[in-house]
Structure formats: structure tokens, C-alpha cells
Amino acid sequence: MARKTFFSFHFERDSWRAGQVRNSGQFKGDKAGFIDKAEWEEVKRKGDQAIKRWIDKQLEGTSTTVVLIGSETSERKYVGYEIEQSAKRGNGLLGVYIHQVKDVNGRTDTKGKNPFDNWYYERNGKNVYFSEIYPTYDWVNDNGRENLGKWIESAAKNAGR
């Protein structure tokens, strides 16, 4: 089943790596969450609320959110907003480490912190971190090129989508 998927990532640092995932052959239909540099710069110039409106619009109609985890992803303000809004919408969530994917210069990066460690639900008076609920994978070690579609489908089904 085709899933409209939102991709969350640190644009400035990881757009090349995110593009490698996007172009992996997994996506033949809709894919949300990708924006070119010129468009991103235009959205950024309009300020915080414009960025959030853009994110909200991109999330419309999606069933899953894939957080592409690079070296600095967990500290990015808008990645946090995307995770928060995805959870509120009931999207399936998963993370994919992309630090081992080579950039435009053929270099890999350091592994970043799991951004799901920054978010939690309160259940029965206890904080349950997203990292305890939502899976993460490694694009290289877990053969993302072959498995991303399965991971997305599983996340969507786990969220009842």
C-alpha cells in the first residue's frame, strides 16, 4: 500500500543524505516533506509561524513520519516540532540513522542522538519516552534501501493508519 510519508531532517546539514533516501527507489507516489533550498530559504525568511504553517501543510494527509537522524538532528527546533505534530496527528513514527550515508563530498558523519529521547507521553503518572515506543533503524547497517517501505508500513499499522 502506498503511504504518504513526511520526512523530517536537519535541512542544512543532511539534505544530501535525505535525498539519497528519497531517491532510493522506495517511493513511486506521494512523498511529503521535501523542499528545495530556494523554497526553504524563502519559507525561513517569513519567520517561525510561516515555517510551522509550512510543516503543518506538509503533514496533511500523511500516515507516517520518518525522522532521518543525522549528527545534529535531535537538537533542531523544527524537527522537534515535526515530531510533536506528527504524534498529535497520530502518524506512525520511526527514525532512520543516516550518518553513514555519504554526503556530496563522499564523507560520512558522526552518529547523532535519538531525537525520540526528547519527547514523551505521560501514562499512569510515568513518562514514557518516544524512544521506548517508536523504532529506529540504521540506513546502512539495516539495509534501508531494501527495508524502508516495510518499516513505514509497520509504523503506519502500529499507529492504526
Protein backbone atom coordinates (compact mmCIF):
# COMPACT_ATOMS: atom_id res chain seq x y z
CA MET A 1 0.00 0.00 0.00
CA ALA A 2 1.34 3.45 -0.86
CA ARG A 3 1.84 5.69 2.15
CA LYS A 4 2.14 9.43 2.07
CA THR A 5 5.19 9.96 4.22
CA PHE A 6 6.66 13.07 5.77
CA PHE A 7 10.45 13.16 6.11
CA SER A 8 11.89 15.18 8.98
CA PHE A 9 15.59 16.05 8.93
CA HIS A 10 18.14 18.80 9.51
CA PHE A 11 17.93 20.56 6.17
CA GLU A 12 21.24 22.42 6.06
CA ARG A 13 23.39 19.52 7.23
CA ASP A 14 21.59 16.46 5.91
CA SER A 15 19.65 17.39 2.77
CA TRP A 16 22.06 15.43 0.54
CA ARG A 17 21.76 12.34 2.73
CA ALA A 18 17.98 12.75 2.88
CA GLY A 19 17.98 12.94 -0.90
CA GLN A 20 19.73 9.58 -1.06
CA VAL A 21 16.89 8.07 0.94
CA ARG A 22 14.31 9.87 -1.21
CA ASN A 23 15.91 8.58 -4.40
CA SER A 24 16.30 5.02 -3.13
CA GLY A 25 13.50 3.75 -5.35
CA GLN A 26 11.13 3.17 -2.44
CA PHE A 27 8.79 5.98 -3.40
CA LYS A 28 6.78 5.97 -6.55
CA GLY A 29 3.78 8.04 -5.41
CA ASP A 30 3.33 10.86 -2.96
CA LYS A 31 6.14 11.86 -0.70
CA ALA A 32 5.80 14.87 1.51
CA GLY A 33 8.43 16.71 3.48
CA PHE A 34 10.93 17.53 0.76
CA ILE A 35 11.70 21.08 -0.21
CA ASP A 36 14.45 22.56 -2.32
CA LYS A 37 16.97 25.03 -0.92
CA ALA A 38 15.49 28.11 -2.60
CA GLU A 39 11.99 27.31 -1.34
CA TRP A 40 13.30 26.57 2.17
CA GLU A 41 15.19 29.87 2.30
CA GLU A 42 12.00 31.70 1.25
CA VAL A 43 9.94 29.97 3.96
CA LYS A 44 12.63 30.71 6.59
CA ARG A 45 12.66 34.43 5.71
CA LYS A 46 8.97 34.62 6.63
CA GLY A 47 9.67 33.57 10.21
CA ASP A 48 8.76 30.98 12.80
CA GLN A 49 4.99 30.92 12.25
CA ALA A 50 5.40 30.60 8.47
CA ILE A 51 7.72 27.62 8.96
CA LYS A 52 5.24 25.95 11.29
CA ARG A 53 2.39 26.58 8.83
CA TRP A 54 4.51 25.04 6.05
CA ILE A 55 5.24 21.99 8.22
CA ASP A 56 1.56 21.62 9.15
CA LYS A 57 0.58 21.80 5.48
CA GLN A 58 3.18 19.18 4.53
CA LEU A 59 1.89 16.85 7.25
CA GLU A 60 -1.68 16.98 5.92
CA GLY A 61 -2.77 13.61 4.60
CA THR A 62 0.35 11.78 5.76
CA SER A 63 0.15 8.49 7.62
CA THR A 64 3.79 8.23 8.66
CA THR A 65 6.71 10.43 9.62
CA VAL A 66 10.27 9.25 9.10
CA VAL A 67 12.85 11.16 11.10
CA LEU A 68 16.16 10.95 9.26
CA ILE A 69 18.69 11.13 12.08
CA GLY A 70 21.98 12.83 11.39
CA SER A 71 24.63 14.22 13.70
CA GLU A 72 22.62 17.26 14.91
CA THR A 73 19.02 16.26 14.18
CA SER A 74 17.91 15.84 17.79
CA GLU A 75 18.75 19.46 18.61
CA ARG A 76 16.85 21.00 15.70
CA LYS A 77 13.87 23.11 16.75
CA TYR A 78 11.73 22.31 13.74
CA VAL A 79 12.49 18.60 13.82
CA GLY A 80 11.10 18.66 17.36
CA TYR A 81 8.02 20.48 16.12
CA GLU A 82 7.59 17.94 13.30
CA ILE A 83 7.82 15.03 15.75
CA GLU A 84 5.38 16.68 18.14
CA GLN A 85 2.85 17.47 15.41
CA SER A 86 3.19 14.00 13.87
CA ALA A 87 2.43 12.39 17.22
CA LYS A 88 -0.58 14.69 17.76
CA ARG A 89 -1.93 13.69 14.34
CA GLY A 90 -1.50 10.00 15.13
CA ASN A 91 1.10 9.38 12.43
CA GLY A 92 3.24 6.29 12.60
CA LEU A 93 6.74 7.38 13.60
CA LEU A 94 10.15 5.86 13.02
CA GLY A 95 13.71 7.05 12.93
CA VAL A 96 16.44 6.17 10.46
CA TYR A 97 20.06 6.96 11.20
CA ILE A 98 21.69 8.40 8.09
CA HIS A 99 25.11 9.41 9.43
CA GLN A 100 26.82 6.62 7.47
CA VAL A 101 25.31 7.76 4.17
CA LYS A 102 27.97 9.67 2.23
CA ASP A 103 27.39 13.35 1.56
CA VAL A 104 28.07 15.19 -1.72
CA ASN A 105 31.80 15.11 -0.88
CA GLY A 106 31.83 11.38 -0.12
CA ARG A 107 32.07 11.85 3.66
CA THR A 108 30.10 10.22 6.44
CA ASP A 109 29.24 11.93 9.73
CA THR A 110 29.11 11.19 13.45
CA LYS A 111 26.10 9.37 14.83
CA GLY A 112 23.60 11.71 16.42
CA LYS A 113 21.42 11.33 19.49
CA ASN A 114 18.00 9.74 19.08
CA PRO A 115 15.54 12.68 18.87
CA PHE A 116 12.80 10.44 20.29
CA ASP A 117 14.64 10.73 23.63
CA ASN A 118 13.42 14.36 23.77
CA TRP A 119 9.68 13.56 23.72
CA TYR A 120 7.41 11.54 25.95
CA TYR A 121 3.83 10.71 26.75
CA GLU A 122 2.66 10.71 30.33
CA ARG A 123 0.99 7.41 31.15
CA ASN A 124 -0.19 6.45 34.60
CA GLY A 125 1.93 9.18 36.15
CA LYS A 126 5.08 7.99 34.38
CA ASN A 127 6.96 9.47 31.42
CA VAL A 128 7.17 7.03 28.53
CA TYR A 129 9.73 8.33 26.05
CA PHE A 130 9.06 8.10 22.34
CA SER A 131 12.33 6.16 22.07
CA GLU A 132 10.65 3.38 24.08
CA ILE A 133 7.75 3.29 21.63
CA TYR A 134 9.00 4.19 18.16
CA PRO A 135 11.68 2.14 16.42
CA THR A 136 14.90 3.39 14.90
CA TYR A 137 16.95 1.78 12.18
CA ASP A 138 20.29 2.41 10.52
CA TRP A 139 20.08 3.11 6.77
CA VAL A 140 23.39 1.34 6.06
CA ASN A 141 23.53 -1.43 8.69
CA ASP A 142 19.84 -2.36 8.41
CA ASN A 143 19.71 -2.16 4.60
CA GLY A 144 17.32 0.77 4.37
CA ARG A 145 17.25 0.64 0.58
CA GLU A 146 15.51 -2.74 0.81
CA ASN A 147 13.58 -2.25 4.04
CA LEU A 148 12.33 1.33 4.28
CA GLY A 149 8.97 0.52 2.70
CA LYS A 150 8.43 -2.29 5.23
CA TRP A 151 9.43 -0.03 8.13
CA ILE A 152 6.99 2.65 7.00
CA GLU A 153 4.16 0.17 6.56
CA SER A 154 4.81 -1.32 10.02
CA ALA A 155 4.87 2.13 11.66
CA ALA A 156 1.60 3.08 9.96
CA LYS A 157 -0.10 -0.15 11.04
CA ASN A 158 1.19 0.23 14.61
CA ALA A 159 -0.43 3.68 14.66
CA GLY A 160 -3.70 2.27 13.34
CA ARG A 161 -3.31 4.08 10.00
